[in-house]
């Protein structure tokens, strides 16, 4: 299931007993602060929830199946979000659906 920004704003407004416009401004400000902080090179730590950081992924060589030749993926920046505290615990306690379990098994076999 995917929750979109509009639904998050509505939930914030409902839980805080504020109008959706004010909740939307709060959410937009939060997004702007996260964006500016990460782009300045700083990490973000939200206690009991997550750590966000921009990391440099090294360049790597790989085999391109369509070109049937070795290729090079240049270095690039990735956003890494790591759950911590209560969020990490709640993720660990969730059951994996049968469908997801099959996908995970299939993926782990393809890496061998």
C-alpha atoms as a PDB file:
ATOM      1  CA  UNK A   1       0.000   0.000   0.000  1.00  0.00           C
ATOM      2  CA  UNK A   2       1.220   3.472  -0.864  1.00  0.00           C
ATOM      3  CA  UNK A   3       0.228   6.539   1.135  1.00  0.00           C
ATOM      4  CA  UNK A   4       0.537   9.789  -0.801  1.00  0.00           C
ATOM      5  CA  UNK A   5       1.312  13.288   0.476  1.00  0.00           C
ATOM      6  CA  UNK A   6      -2.355  14.351   0.400  1.00  0.00           C
ATOM      7  CA  UNK A   7      -3.279  11.473   2.740  1.00  0.00           C
ATOM      8  CA  UNK A   8      -0.383  12.235   5.091  1.00  0.00           C
ATOM      9  CA  UNK A   9      -1.412  15.888   5.281  1.00  0.00           C
ATOM     10  CA  UNK A  10      -5.017  14.893   6.007  1.00  0.00           C
ATOM     11  CA  UNK A  11      -3.864  12.546   8.799  1.00  0.00           C
ATOM     12  CA  UNK A  12      -1.645  15.235  10.342  1.00  0.00           C
ATOM     13  CA  UNK A  13      -4.542  17.709  10.242  1.00  0.00           C
ATOM     14  CA  UNK A  14      -6.860  15.181  11.855  1.00  0.00           C
ATOM     15  CA  UNK A  15      -4.455  14.170  14.642  1.00  0.00           C
ATOM     16  CA  UNK A  16      -3.473  17.752  15.462  1.00  0.00           C
ATOM     17  CA  UNK A  17      -6.993  19.196  15.105  1.00  0.00           C
ATOM     18  CA  UNK A  18      -5.817  21.775  12.579  1.00  0.00           C
ATOM     19  CA  UNK A  19      -7.024  22.604   9.080  1.00  0.00           C
ATOM     20  CA  UNK A  20      -5.514  20.833   6.073  1.00  0.00           C
ATOM     21  CA  UNK A  21      -3.957  24.040   4.768  1.00  0.00           C
ATOM     22  CA  UNK A  22      -1.923  24.519   7.952  1.00  0.00           C
ATOM     23  CA  UNK A  23      -0.975  20.836   7.960  1.00  0.00           C
ATOM     24  CA  UNK A  24       0.071  21.160   4.317  1.00  0.00           C
ATOM     25  CA  UNK A  25       2.299  24.134   5.153  1.00  0.00           C
ATOM     26  CA  UNK A  26       3.861  22.165   8.009  1.00  0.00           C
ATOM     27  CA  UNK A  27       4.501  19.189   5.747  1.00  0.00           C
ATOM     28  CA  UNK A  28       5.985  21.356   2.962  1.00  0.00           C
ATOM     29  CA  UNK A  29       8.251  23.092   5.479  1.00  0.00           C
ATOM     30  CA  UNK A  30       9.372  19.724   6.848  1.00  0.00           C
ATOM     31  CA  UNK A  31      10.180  18.557   3.300  1.00  0.00           C
ATOM     32  CA  UNK A  32      12.127  21.750   2.581  1.00  0.00           C
ATOM     33  CA  UNK A  33      14.176  21.431   5.786  1.00  0.00           C
ATOM     34  CA  UNK A  34      14.988  17.771   5.061  1.00  0.00           C
ATOM     35  CA  UNK A  35      15.950  18.607   1.476  1.00  0.00           C
ATOM     36  CA  UNK A  36      18.132  21.575   2.463  1.00  0.00           C
ATOM     37  CA  UNK A  37      19.804  19.690   5.321  1.00  0.00           C
ATOM     38  CA  UNK A  38      20.690  16.649   3.218  1.00  0.00           C
ATOM     39  CA  UNK A  39      21.910  18.797   0.334  1.00  0.00           C
ATOM     40  CA  UNK A  40      24.184  20.717   2.710  1.00  0.00           C
ATOM     41  CA  UNK A  41      25.975  17.442   3.462  1.00  0.00           C
ATOM     42  CA  UNK A  42      24.517  16.885   6.916  1.00  0.00           C
ATOM     43  CA  UNK A  43      22.764  13.713   8.065  1.00  0.00           C
ATOM     44  CA  UNK A  44      19.364  13.746   9.752  1.00  0.00           C
ATOM     45  CA  UNK A  45      18.543  11.744  12.859  1.00  0.00           C
ATOM     46  CA  UNK A  46      14.941  11.558  14.036  1.00  0.00           C
ATOM     47  CA  UNK A  47      15.154   9.745  17.386  1.00  0.00           C
ATOM     48  CA  UNK A  48      13.153   6.482  17.544  1.00  0.00           C
ATOM     49  CA  UNK A  49      12.353   6.745  13.848  1.00  0.00           C
ATOM     50  CA  UNK A  50      15.100   7.022  11.245  1.00  0.00           C
ATOM     51  CA  UNK A  51      18.465   8.248  10.094  1.00  0.00           C
ATOM     52  CA  UNK A  52      18.780   9.805   6.630  1.00  0.00           C
ATOM     53  CA  UNK A  53      22.036  10.410   4.830  1.00  0.00           C
ATOM     54  CA  UNK A  54      23.413  10.954   1.350  1.00  0.00           C
ATOM     55  CA  UNK A  55      26.168   8.442   0.553  1.00  0.00           C
ATOM     56  CA  UNK A  56      28.480   8.134  -2.402  1.00  0.00           C
ATOM     57  CA  UNK A  57      28.206   4.772  -4.109  1.00  0.00           C
ATOM     58  CA  UNK A  58      31.465   3.732  -5.739  1.00  0.00           C
ATOM     59  CA  UNK A  59      31.629   3.134  -9.446  1.00  0.00           C
ATOM     60  CA  UNK A  60      31.480  -0.500 -10.440  1.00  0.00           C
ATOM     61  CA  UNK A  61      31.802  -2.744 -13.431  1.00  0.00           C
ATOM     62  CA  UNK A  62      28.996  -5.106 -14.365  1.00  0.00           C
ATOM     63  CA  UNK A  63      27.931  -7.342 -17.221  1.00  0.00           C
ATOM     64  CA  UNK A  64      25.278  -5.739 -19.436  1.00  0.00           C
ATOM     65  CA  UNK A  65      23.029  -8.533 -20.691  1.00  0.00           C
ATOM     66  CA  UNK A  66      21.493  -6.476 -23.505  1.00  0.00           C
ATOM     67  CA  UNK A  67      24.882  -5.376 -24.878  1.00  0.00           C
ATOM     68  CA  UNK A  68      26.508  -8.727 -23.992  1.00  0.00           C
ATOM     69  CA  UNK A  69      29.579  -6.894 -22.760  1.00  0.00           C
ATOM     70  CA  UNK A  70      31.159  -5.523 -19.628  1.00  0.00           C
ATOM     71  CA  UNK A  71      30.035  -2.023 -18.722  1.00  0.00           C
ATOM     72  CA  UNK A  72      30.838   0.630 -16.140  1.00  0.00           C
ATOM     73  CA  UNK A  73      28.390   2.281 -13.746  1.00  0.00           C
ATOM     74  CA  UNK A  74      29.882   5.604 -12.613  1.00  0.00           C
ATOM     75  CA  UNK A  75      29.888   6.710  -8.965  1.00  0.00           C
ATOM     76  CA  UNK A  76      26.639   8.294  -7.805  1.00  0.00           C
ATOM     77  CA  UNK A  77      24.945   9.653  -4.734  1.00  0.00           C
ATOM     78  CA  UNK A  78      22.175   7.687  -3.020  1.00  0.00           C
ATOM     79  CA  UNK A  79      19.784   8.582  -0.236  1.00  0.00           C
ATOM     80  CA  UNK A  80      19.970   5.988   2.532  1.00  0.00           C
ATOM     81  CA  UNK A  81      17.197   5.822   5.112  1.00  0.00           C
ATOM     82  CA  UNK A  82      17.774   3.494   8.048  1.00  0.00           C
ATOM     83  CA  UNK A  83      14.956   2.789  10.487  1.00  0.00           C
ATOM     84  CA  UNK A  84      15.923   2.977  14.162  1.00  0.00           C
ATOM     85  CA  UNK A  85      14.249   2.586  17.540  1.00  0.00           C
ATOM     86  CA  UNK A  86      10.487   2.129  17.556  1.00  0.00           C
ATOM     87  CA  UNK A  87      10.217   2.198  13.754  1.00  0.00           C
ATOM     88  CA  UNK A  88      12.851  -0.526  13.392  1.00  0.00           C
ATOM     89  CA  UNK A  89      11.100  -2.643  16.034  1.00  0.00           C
ATOM     90  CA  UNK A  90       7.709  -2.231  14.371  1.00  0.00           C
ATOM     91  CA  UNK A  91       9.137  -3.221  10.983  1.00  0.00           C
ATOM     92  CA  UNK A  92      10.769  -6.335  12.471  1.00  0.00           C
ATOM     93  CA  UNK A  93       7.489  -7.399  14.085  1.00  0.00           C
ATOM     94  CA  UNK A  94       5.491  -7.261  10.831  1.00  0.00           C
ATOM     95  CA  UNK A  95       4.682 -10.553   9.195  1.00  0.00           C
ATOM     96  CA  UNK A  96       5.801 -11.038   5.605  1.00  0.00           C
ATOM     97  CA  UNK A  97       2.977 -11.976   3.245  1.00  0.00           C
ATOM     98  CA  UNK A  98       3.182 -15.246   1.321  1.00  0.00           C
ATOM     99  CA  UNK A  99       3.594 -13.275  -1.897  1.00  0.00           C
ATOM    100  CA  UNK A 100       6.491 -11.222  -0.508  1.00  0.00           C
ATOM    101  CA  UNK A 101       8.127 -14.333   0.978  1.00  0.00           C
ATOM    102  CA  UNK A 102       8.097 -15.985  -2.467  1.00  0.00           C
ATOM    103  CA  UNK A 103       9.636 -12.864  -4.035  1.00  0.00           C
ATOM    104  CA  UNK A 104      12.357 -12.819  -1.359  1.00  0.00           C
ATOM    105  CA  UNK A 105      13.192 -16.503  -1.868  1.00  0.00           C
ATOM    106  CA  UNK A 106      13.309 -16.052  -5.646  1.00  0.00           C
ATOM    107  CA  UNK A 107      15.560 -12.999  -5.312  1.00  0.00           C
ATOM    108  CA  UNK A 108      17.962 -14.726  -2.883  1.00  0.00           C
ATOM    109  CA  UNK A 109      18.311 -17.716  -5.232  1.00  0.00           C
ATOM    110  CA  UNK A 110      19.116 -15.443  -8.200  1.00  0.00           C
ATOM    111  CA  UNK A 111      22.020 -13.888  -6.225  1.00  0.00           C
ATOM    112  CA  UNK A 112      23.712 -17.280  -5.688  1.00  0.00           C
END
